[in-house]
Protein backbone atom coordinates (compact mmCIF):
# COMPACT_ATOMS: atom_id res chain seq x y z
CA MET A 1 2.47 -20.80 -6.24
CA SER A 2 5.27 -19.82 -8.64
CA ASN A 3 3.12 -17.23 -10.41
CA ILE A 4 1.81 -15.62 -7.21
CA VAL A 5 3.80 -13.03 -5.28
CA LEU A 6 2.92 -12.55 -1.62
CA LEU A 7 2.83 -8.98 -0.34
CA ASP A 8 2.73 -8.12 3.34
CA GLY A 9 -0.09 -7.07 5.67
CA ALA A 10 -0.99 -4.18 7.95
CA ALA A 11 1.63 -2.14 9.78
CA GLY A 12 -0.18 0.64 11.65
CA SER A 13 -2.15 -1.52 14.06
CA ALA A 14 0.89 -3.65 14.89
CA LEU A 15 3.00 -0.58 15.61
CA GLN A 16 0.25 0.89 17.78
CA ASN A 17 0.41 -2.25 19.87
CA ALA A 18 4.19 -1.91 20.03
CA GLY A 19 4.42 1.59 21.46
CA LEU A 20 3.20 4.08 18.87
CA ARG A 21 1.72 6.98 20.80
CA PRO A 22 -1.87 8.14 20.22
CA GLY A 23 -2.08 10.60 17.36
CA GLU A 24 1.38 9.79 16.04
CA SER A 25 2.04 8.67 12.48
CA SER A 26 3.50 5.17 12.31
CA PHE A 27 6.52 6.30 10.28
CA VAL A 28 7.91 8.10 13.35
CA MET A 29 8.92 4.65 14.55
CA ASN A 30 11.46 4.41 11.70
CA VAL A 31 13.70 6.77 13.67
CA ARG A 32 12.44 6.47 17.23
CA ALA A 33 12.11 2.68 17.40
CA PRO A 34 13.73 1.14 14.30
CA GLU A 35 14.09 -2.30 15.86
CA THR A 36 10.32 -2.48 16.40
CA VAL A 37 9.72 -1.76 12.72
CA ARG A 38 12.45 -4.21 11.75
CA GLU A 39 10.83 -7.00 13.74
CA LEU A 40 7.49 -6.38 12.02
CA HIS A 41 9.09 -6.51 8.57
CA ARG A 42 10.99 -9.64 9.59
CA ALA A 43 7.77 -11.30 10.73
CA TYR A 44 6.18 -10.68 7.34
CA ALA A 45 9.25 -11.86 5.47
CA ASP A 46 9.39 -15.02 7.59
CA ALA A 47 5.67 -15.59 6.95
CA GLY A 48 6.29 -15.58 3.20
CA SER A 49 6.04 -11.97 1.99
CA ARG A 50 8.24 -11.46 -1.04
CA VAL A 51 7.42 -7.77 -1.30
CA VAL A 52 7.63 -5.84 1.97
CA TYR A 53 6.20 -2.32 2.09
CA THR A 54 8.23 0.37 3.82
CA ASN A 55 6.73 2.03 6.89
CA THR A 56 6.24 5.30 4.99
CA PHE A 57 2.52 5.36 4.17
CA ALA A 58 1.24 8.98 4.03
CA LEU A 59 4.72 10.35 4.68
CA ASN A 60 5.30 13.67 2.97
CA ALA A 61 6.62 17.16 3.66
CA ILE A 62 3.43 18.18 5.48
CA SER A 63 3.00 15.11 7.67
CA ALA A 64 6.71 15.07 8.53
CA ARG A 65 6.56 18.58 10.01
CA LYS A 66 4.64 17.28 13.00
CA THR A 67 7.29 14.71 13.89
CA GLY A 68 10.46 16.70 14.44
CA TYR A 69 12.20 14.59 11.78
CA SER A 70 12.90 15.38 8.14
CA VAL A 71 11.35 13.59 5.18
CA ARG A 72 14.84 12.39 4.28
CA GLU A 73 15.43 10.86 7.73
CA LEU A 74 12.08 9.12 7.81
CA VAL A 75 12.12 7.78 4.25
CA ARG A 76 15.74 6.71 4.22
CA SER A 77 15.45 4.93 7.54
CA GLY A 78 12.21 3.28 6.42
CA VAL A 79 13.84 1.83 3.32
CA GLU A 80 17.01 0.78 5.10
CA ILE A 81 15.09 -1.01 7.85
CA ALA A 82 13.02 -2.99 5.34
CA LYS A 83 16.06 -3.85 3.22
CA SER A 84 17.85 -5.23 6.26
CA VAL A 85 15.38 -8.12 6.60
CA VAL A 86 13.87 -8.97 3.21
CA GLY A 87 16.59 -11.32 2.01
CA PHE A 88 15.87 -12.24 -1.59
CA GLY A 89 12.56 -10.36 -1.53
CA LYS A 90 11.92 -6.79 -2.64
CA VAL A 91 11.27 -3.54 -0.80
CA ALA A 92 8.35 -1.40 -1.95
CA LEU A 93 8.38 2.30 -1.12
CA ASP A 94 4.87 2.82 0.26
CA ILE A 95 3.16 6.07 -0.76
CA GLY A 96 -0.35 7.11 0.27
CA PRO A 97 -2.57 10.16 -0.09
CA ILE A 98 -1.39 13.53 1.18
CA GLY A 99 -4.75 14.02 2.87
CA LEU A 100 -5.50 17.50 1.55
CA GLU A 101 -7.77 18.69 -1.23
CA ILE A 102 -5.72 19.41 -4.32
CA GLY A 103 -6.63 22.26 -6.64
CA ASP A 104 -5.94 25.84 -7.68
CA ASP A 105 -7.99 27.63 -5.02
CA ASP A 106 -6.24 29.49 -2.21
CA ASP A 107 -7.39 27.00 0.42
CA GLN A 108 -6.23 23.97 -1.58
CA LEU A 109 -2.85 22.33 -2.09
CA SER A 110 -1.64 23.18 -5.58
CA PRO A 111 -0.97 20.34 -8.04
CA ASP A 112 2.65 21.50 -8.37
CA ALA A 113 3.13 21.37 -4.61
CA ALA A 114 1.59 17.89 -4.45
CA TYR A 115 3.84 16.72 -7.28
CA ALA A 116 6.91 18.05 -5.47
CA MET A 117 5.94 16.20 -2.27
CA PHE A 118 5.51 12.88 -4.03
CA ALA A 119 8.68 13.38 -6.08
CA GLU A 120 10.72 14.12 -2.95
CA VAL A 121 9.69 10.87 -1.28
CA VAL A 122 10.33 8.83 -4.44
CA GLU A 123 13.76 10.36 -5.06
CA ILE A 124 14.89 9.73 -1.48
CA GLY A 125 13.44 6.22 -1.45
CA ALA A 126 15.07 5.27 -4.73
CA LYS A 127 18.47 6.51 -3.58
CA ALA A 128 18.05 4.57 -0.34
CA GLY A 129 17.57 1.36 -2.32
CA ALA A 130 13.84 0.75 -2.76
CA ASP A 131 13.08 -1.79 -5.50
CA ILE A 132 9.49 -0.76 -6.27
CA VAL A 133 7.20 2.22 -5.70
CA VAL A 134 3.72 1.36 -4.41
CA ILE A 135 1.01 4.03 -4.53
CA GLU A 136 -1.94 2.77 -2.51
CA THR A 137 -5.22 3.60 -0.76
CA MET A 138 -5.88 6.38 -3.28
CA TYR A 139 -9.43 7.69 -3.70
CA ASP A 140 -8.88 10.94 -5.64
CA LEU A 141 -8.05 10.31 -9.30
CA ASP A 142 -6.35 13.68 -9.78
CA GLU A 143 -4.06 13.02 -6.83
CA LEU A 144 -3.36 9.51 -8.07
CA LYS A 145 -2.33 10.83 -11.48
CA ILE A 146 -0.02 13.39 -9.89
CA ALA A 147 1.57 10.72 -7.69
CA LEU A 148 2.02 8.33 -10.59
CA ARG A 149 3.62 10.96 -12.80
CA ALA A 150 5.94 11.97 -9.96
CA ALA A 151 6.96 8.36 -9.41
CA ARG A 152 7.55 7.77 -13.10
CA GLU A 153 9.58 10.95 -13.55
CA SER A 154 11.60 10.80 -10.33
CA ALA A 155 13.03 7.29 -10.41
CA ASP A 156 13.57 4.36 -12.74
CA LEU A 157 11.59 1.86 -10.66
CA PRO A 158 8.50 -0.27 -11.27
CA VAL A 159 5.37 1.46 -10.00
CA TYR A 160 2.36 -0.44 -8.60
CA VAL A 161 -0.91 1.44 -8.13
CA CYS A 162 -3.99 0.68 -6.02
CA MET A 163 -7.17 2.60 -5.30
CA THR A 164 -9.62 1.92 -2.50
CA PHE A 165 -13.20 1.33 -3.65
CA ASN A 166 -16.65 0.97 -2.20
CA THR A 167 -18.61 -2.13 -3.16
CA ASP A 168 -20.44 -0.13 -5.86
CA GLY A 169 -17.20 0.14 -7.85
CA HIS A 170 -16.52 3.80 -7.03
CA THR A 171 -14.25 5.55 -4.55
CA PHE A 172 -15.96 7.76 -2.00
CA LEU A 173 -15.15 10.70 -4.30
CA GLY A 174 -16.98 8.97 -7.15
CA VAL A 175 -14.04 7.68 -9.19
CA SER A 176 -15.12 4.67 -11.24
CA VAL A 177 -13.10 1.55 -11.96
CA ALA A 178 -13.10 2.40 -15.66
CA ASP A 179 -11.71 5.90 -15.06
CA PHE A 180 -9.06 4.49 -12.72
CA VAL A 181 -7.87 1.88 -15.19
CA ALA A 182 -7.84 4.29 -18.13
CA ALA A 183 -5.81 6.91 -16.24
CA VAL A 184 -3.26 4.44 -14.92
CA GLU A 185 -2.75 2.82 -18.30
CA GLU A 186 -2.34 6.20 -19.98
CA ILE A 187 0.38 7.38 -17.58
CA GLY A 188 1.93 3.97 -17.17
CA ALA A 189 2.03 1.57 -14.22
CA ASP A 190 3.57 -1.86 -13.89
CA ALA A 191 0.74 -3.39 -11.83
CA ILE A 192 -2.73 -2.27 -10.86
CA GLY A 193 -5.35 -3.23 -8.32
CA LEU A 194 -7.17 -2.42 -5.12
CA ASN A 195 -6.48 -2.36 -1.42
CA CYS A 196 -8.17 -1.57 1.91
CA SER A 197 -11.89 -0.73 2.31
CA TYR A 198 -13.53 -4.19 2.66
CA GLY A 199 -12.82 -7.85 3.15
CA PRO A 200 -12.10 -10.15 0.20
CA SER A 201 -15.61 -11.49 -0.47
CA ASP A 202 -17.21 -8.04 -0.36
CA ILE A 203 -14.73 -6.32 -2.66
CA PHE A 204 -14.12 -9.16 -5.14
CA PRO A 205 -16.76 -7.96 -7.66
CA VAL A 206 -14.84 -4.69 -7.96
CA PHE A 207 -11.62 -6.62 -8.55
CA GLU A 208 -13.39 -8.49 -11.33
CA GLN A 209 -14.21 -5.17 -12.97
CA ILE A 210 -10.56 -4.15 -12.89
CA ALA A 211 -9.47 -7.51 -14.29
CA ALA A 212 -11.91 -7.19 -17.20
CA LEU A 213 -10.48 -3.82 -18.23
CA THR A 214 -6.72 -4.33 -18.13
CA LYS A 215 -3.96 -6.75 -19.03
CA LEU A 216 -1.60 -5.32 -16.43
CA PRO A 217 -0.55 -7.58 -13.55
CA LEU A 218 -3.20 -7.44 -10.83
CA ILE A 219 -2.90 -6.60 -7.12
CA ALA A 220 -5.35 -7.55 -4.36
CA LYS A 221 -4.72 -6.38 -0.79
CA PRO A 222 -8.12 -6.21 0.96
CA ASN A 223 -8.87 -5.74 4.63
CA ALA A 224 -9.39 -8.58 7.09
CA GLY A 225 -13.14 -8.13 6.84
CA LEU A 226 -14.89 -5.24 8.57
CA PRO A 227 -14.30 -4.15 12.18
CA ASP A 228 -16.95 -5.03 14.74
CA GLU A 229 -18.33 -2.71 17.42
CA ASN A 230 -15.09 -3.10 19.38
CA GLY A 231 -12.92 -2.24 16.38
CA GLU A 232 -11.78 -5.83 15.91
CA TYR A 233 -11.58 -7.21 12.39
CA THR A 234 -13.77 -10.21 11.83
CA LEU A 235 -11.93 -12.67 9.59
CA THR A 236 -9.50 -15.29 10.79
CA PRO A 237 -6.34 -15.80 8.74
CA GLU A 238 -7.71 -19.07 7.36
CA GLU A 239 -11.05 -17.52 6.36
CA PHE A 240 -9.23 -14.63 4.72
CA ALA A 241 -7.05 -16.98 2.71
CA ARG A 242 -10.05 -19.02 1.52
CA GLN A 243 -11.84 -15.86 0.45
CA MET A 244 -8.80 -14.87 -1.62
CA ARG A 245 -9.15 -17.92 -3.89
CA PRO A 246 -11.45 -16.13 -6.40
CA PHE A 247 -8.86 -13.37 -6.77
CA ILE A 248 -6.28 -15.95 -7.79
CA ASP A 249 -8.73 -17.56 -10.20
CA ALA A 250 -9.45 -14.10 -11.69
CA GLY A 251 -5.78 -13.48 -12.38
CA ALA A 252 -4.30 -11.81 -9.29
CA LYS A 253 -0.52 -11.94 -9.31
CA TYR A 254 0.19 -9.94 -6.13
CA ILE A 255 -1.82 -10.70 -2.99
CA GLY A 256 -1.61 -9.60 0.62
CA GLY A 257 -3.64 -8.01 3.39
CA CYS A 258 -4.46 -4.50 4.50
CA CYS A 259 -6.16 -3.25 7.70
CA GLY A 260 -6.59 -5.92 10.35
CA SER A 261 -4.18 -8.40 8.78
CA THR A 262 -1.05 -9.75 10.48
CA PRO A 263 1.85 -12.04 9.60
CA ALA A 264 -0.50 -14.95 10.37
CA PHE A 265 -2.61 -13.89 7.38
CA ILE A 266 0.41 -14.08 5.09
CA THR A 267 1.25 -17.50 6.47
CA ALA A 268 -2.32 -18.61 5.73
CA LEU A 269 -2.05 -17.29 2.16
CA ARG A 270 1.21 -19.16 1.66
CA ARG A 271 -0.32 -22.39 2.94
CA GLU A 272 -3.54 -21.98 0.94
CA PHE A 273 -1.81 -21.35 -2.36
CA ALA A 274 1.36 -23.37 -1.91
CA ASP A 275 0.18 -25.85 -4.51
């Protein structure tokens, strides 16, 4: 598996089970319960993850206001916690959508304000020692482009970019695979792919579309299937790993899990592709 790099899996659900309060953002745990976050990162690293994502998804100046902590405290602690356990692996500063409509109208977040929010997180994360910037679960192409430019212009780090697609090859805002690939290649990313939304077998045709349009290293981090009526994800770690085989055959370099996955899923990926 020398050409395959294992990423990690989900964080939010694990932290909910470990004491995250209802309605709280998971990144609060970086300051309030750092050892809990550290143990999760350690579990992924022990399972085989060679890139561990910081517990900073969707952290920005707006979301931090609700926590009582500063962006600096939350980002810096998130990076430092991950770095304390990864060993010879790498720490990826995890950046997600701001969650607001971006535009020039009075009721929208301005592009300049969005840029400043992304840039702040990247600058703090880079100074704290992050090795990579990961922009993931994006569905708005304009926001993705702002985030990518901010990452490129705020730190000298590799930047990996993922959007989340429906099975028809579009995000829920209608962004196509072709538009995604063209925009990312124009601005410049070091790896490209998809994450979240569906399980491996359902979303693989979209991954194939991405692979056909770019020569950049490819990322695949799908969900552990779809949740059932009780909110439980349906795939076992072994089934998930078997369904990831086509991604490897199609050229995926970076693989991991998103919603519903656990360290056991990373262990299953390591065992499946060890040869």
